[in-house]
Amino acid sequence: MTEKLVTVGKVANTHGIRGEMKIVPETDFPERFDKGSSLLIVDAQNKQTPVTIKTSRLHKNLFIVQFDQFSNINDVEKFKGSLVKIEAKHQQPLEEGEYYYHEIIGCKVITDEGQELGLVTEVLTPGANDVWVVGLPKGKQLLLPVIDDVILDVDVANKSIRIHLMEGLME
């Protein structure tokens, strides 16, 4: 499979003896885990196992999922710690000004004065707004709040972000 894959969850553990798995969702679209949805389980060796959801329920911020392909705990134990993915072509379209994390990570950050700071290495979601972590020279990091006063322009096609460096952000 040459299609780009996008992570939508991670297998945390098994649940019961009937082959159910606890999956930590990593998506804003919980319908990914609806009955009949097709997903890929990708293990640590990058082996892909196509699966279809037979049953799914939300329990304590986890999805407890059983796939059509498995009916026994022995069939699914090997998937602990594996990632649950979809093909990128199955991503939901977003509103203008919204971006998937994987589109932001790797973007070059440039100030409104033309100074190149570094690349976005991580997206944090602490609460009121997201925070983009920018890798700076000498191993330092800049934490950029994703607010209109700071983020001026995001060009995912060219992998660049133009920002206004507010006073105190570089300290």
Protein backbone atom coordinates (compact mmCIF):
# COMPACT_ATOMS: atom_id res chain seq x y z
CA MET A 1 0.00 0.00 0.00
CA THR A 2 1.56 3.28 -1.08
CA GLU A 3 -1.21 5.57 0.19
CA LYS A 4 -0.25 7.87 3.06
CA LEU A 5 -1.74 6.74 6.37
CA VAL A 6 -3.09 8.91 9.18
CA THR A 7 -3.29 7.77 12.81
CA VAL A 8 -6.79 7.89 14.35
CA GLY A 9 -6.12 5.87 17.51
CA LYS A 10 -3.86 3.59 19.50
CA VAL A 11 -4.63 0.13 20.89
CA ALA A 12 -4.22 0.47 24.66
CA ASN A 13 -5.16 -3.06 25.70
CA THR A 14 -7.51 -5.96 25.18
CA HIS A 15 -10.93 -6.07 26.84
CA GLY A 16 -12.52 -9.32 27.93
CA ILE A 17 -12.06 -12.65 26.19
CA ARG A 18 -14.11 -12.10 23.02
CA GLY A 19 -11.44 -10.20 21.09
CA GLU A 20 -12.45 -6.66 22.02
CA MET A 21 -9.79 -3.95 22.22
CA LYS A 22 -9.53 -0.66 24.10
CA ILE A 23 -8.57 2.08 21.67
CA VAL A 24 -7.46 5.57 22.68
CA PRO A 25 -8.88 7.89 19.99
CA GLU A 26 -6.53 10.38 18.35
CA THR A 27 -9.12 12.04 16.13
CA ASP A 28 -11.72 14.76 16.35
CA PHE A 29 -14.06 12.50 14.37
CA PRO A 30 -15.39 9.76 16.69
CA GLU A 31 -17.49 8.38 13.83
CA ARG A 32 -14.25 6.72 12.66
CA PHE A 33 -15.12 4.05 15.22
CA ASP A 34 -18.72 3.46 14.08
CA LYS A 35 -19.91 -0.04 13.16
CA GLY A 36 -18.85 -0.93 9.61
CA SER A 37 -15.88 1.46 9.47
CA SER A 38 -12.76 0.14 7.76
CA LEU A 39 -9.45 0.77 9.51
CA LEU A 40 -5.87 -0.49 9.47
CA ILE A 41 -4.01 -1.78 12.51
CA VAL A 42 -0.31 -1.02 12.09
CA ASP A 43 2.01 -2.86 14.49
CA ALA A 44 5.55 -1.98 15.62
CA GLN A 45 7.02 -3.83 12.61
CA ASN A 46 4.81 -1.70 10.32
CA LYS A 47 2.68 -4.73 9.37
CA GLN A 48 -0.76 -3.55 8.29
CA THR A 49 -3.89 -5.54 9.14
CA PRO A 50 -7.12 -4.32 7.49
CA VAL A 51 -10.11 -4.54 9.84
CA THR A 52 -13.82 -3.68 9.90
CA ILE A 53 -15.61 -2.62 13.07
CA LYS A 54 -18.25 -5.10 14.24
CA THR A 55 -19.19 -3.32 17.51
CA SER A 56 -18.01 -0.16 19.20
CA ARG A 57 -18.86 1.73 22.38
CA LEU A 58 -17.36 4.66 24.22
CA HIS A 59 -16.23 3.94 27.78
CA LYS A 60 -14.18 6.39 29.91
CA ASN A 61 -12.74 8.25 26.89
CA LEU A 62 -11.76 4.96 25.21
CA PHE A 63 -13.50 3.06 22.46
CA ILE A 64 -14.08 -0.60 23.17
CA VAL A 65 -14.09 -2.12 19.72
CA GLN A 66 -14.55 -5.57 18.29
CA PHE A 67 -13.57 -6.22 14.69
CA ASP A 68 -15.29 -8.64 12.30
CA GLN A 69 -11.96 -10.41 11.81
CA PHE A 70 -11.35 -11.39 15.48
CA SER A 71 -13.46 -13.15 18.10
CA ASN A 72 -10.94 -14.24 20.73
CA ILE A 73 -8.50 -12.50 23.07
CA ASN A 74 -5.69 -14.67 21.67
CA ASP A 75 -6.27 -13.16 18.21
CA VAL A 76 -5.86 -9.56 19.39
CA GLU A 77 -3.25 -9.59 22.18
CA LYS A 78 -0.49 -9.08 19.60
CA PHE A 79 -2.00 -5.68 18.71
CA LYS A 80 -1.38 -4.03 22.12
CA GLY A 81 0.44 -0.75 21.48
CA SER A 82 -0.32 -0.80 17.73
CA LEU A 83 -1.65 2.25 15.91
CA VAL A 84 -5.06 2.43 14.27
CA LYS A 85 -4.92 4.28 10.96
CA ILE A 86 -6.90 5.30 7.91
CA GLU A 87 -5.78 6.14 4.40
CA ALA A 88 -5.28 9.91 4.01
CA LYS A 89 -7.86 10.00 1.20
CA HIS A 90 -10.53 9.13 3.82
CA GLN A 91 -9.87 12.23 5.94
CA GLN A 92 -12.81 14.52 6.63
CA PRO A 93 -12.68 17.88 4.83
CA LEU A 94 -12.00 20.75 7.22
CA GLU A 95 -13.30 24.30 7.36
CA GLU A 96 -11.06 27.06 6.08
CA GLY A 97 -8.47 27.97 8.71
CA GLU A 98 -8.52 24.47 10.26
CA TYR A 99 -5.65 22.02 9.81
CA TYR A 100 -4.78 18.46 10.65
CA TYR A 101 -1.85 18.10 13.05
CA HIS A 102 0.18 16.19 10.47
CA GLU A 103 -0.18 19.15 8.07
CA ILE A 104 1.29 21.55 10.66
CA ILE A 105 4.17 19.38 11.88
CA GLY A 106 7.21 20.03 9.71
CA CYS A 107 6.13 23.52 8.61
CA LYS A 108 8.79 26.22 8.57
CA VAL A 109 8.04 29.11 10.94
CA ILE A 110 8.95 32.60 9.70
CA THR A 111 8.37 35.89 11.54
CA ASP A 112 6.57 38.81 9.91
CA GLU A 113 10.02 40.43 9.67
CA GLY A 114 11.36 37.53 7.58
CA GLN A 115 13.39 35.74 10.28
CA GLU A 116 13.29 31.95 9.92
CA LEU A 117 12.91 30.37 13.36
CA GLY A 118 12.67 26.63 12.78
CA LEU A 119 10.18 23.81 12.14
CA VAL A 120 7.02 22.84 14.03
CA THR A 121 7.88 19.57 15.78
CA GLU A 122 4.77 18.94 17.87
CA VAL A 123 1.22 20.14 18.53
CA LEU A 124 0.07 20.43 22.15
CA THR A 125 -3.56 20.77 23.25
CA PRO A 126 -3.40 22.10 26.81
CA GLY A 127 -6.79 23.77 26.92
CA ALA A 128 -8.05 27.10 25.61
CA ASN A 129 -5.93 27.00 22.44
CA ASP A 130 -3.43 24.69 20.80
CA VAL A 131 0.30 25.34 21.17
CA TRP A 132 2.75 24.62 18.35
CA VAL A 133 6.24 23.58 19.46
CA VAL A 134 8.95 25.04 17.20
CA GLY A 135 12.43 23.50 17.22
CA LEU A 136 14.99 26.33 17.44
CA PRO A 137 18.75 26.18 16.84
CA LYS A 138 20.88 24.79 19.70
CA GLY A 139 18.11 22.40 20.76
CA LYS A 140 15.85 25.06 22.24
CA GLN A 141 12.10 25.21 21.71
CA LEU A 142 9.59 28.00 21.16
CA LEU A 143 6.01 27.47 22.31
CA LEU A 144 3.66 29.30 19.94
CA PRO A 145 0.10 29.86 21.12
CA VAL A 146 -2.30 29.32 18.22
CA ILE A 147 -4.12 32.64 18.47
CA ASP A 148 -4.90 35.27 15.84
CA ASP A 149 -2.42 37.77 17.34
CA VAL A 150 0.47 35.30 16.77
CA ILE A 151 -0.41 33.11 13.78
CA LEU A 152 -0.73 35.37 10.75
CA ASP A 153 -0.75 32.92 7.84
CA VAL A 154 -0.59 29.15 7.43
CA ASP A 155 0.36 27.78 4.02
CA VAL A 156 0.24 23.98 4.30
CA ALA A 157 0.90 23.54 0.56
CA ASN A 158 4.28 25.27 0.93
CA LYS A 159 4.80 24.01 4.51
CA SER A 160 5.27 27.52 5.93
CA ILE A 161 3.73 29.52 8.76
CA ARG A 162 4.08 33.30 9.12
CA ILE A 163 3.87 34.59 12.69
CA HIS A 164 4.03 37.78 14.69
CA LEU A 165 6.58 37.28 17.47
CA MET A 166 4.87 38.89 20.46
CA GLU A 167 7.04 40.36 23.17
CA GLY A 168 8.16 37.70 25.67
CA LEU A 169 7.59 34.64 23.45
CA MET A 170 11.31 34.02 22.86
CA GLU A 171 12.25 34.16 26.56
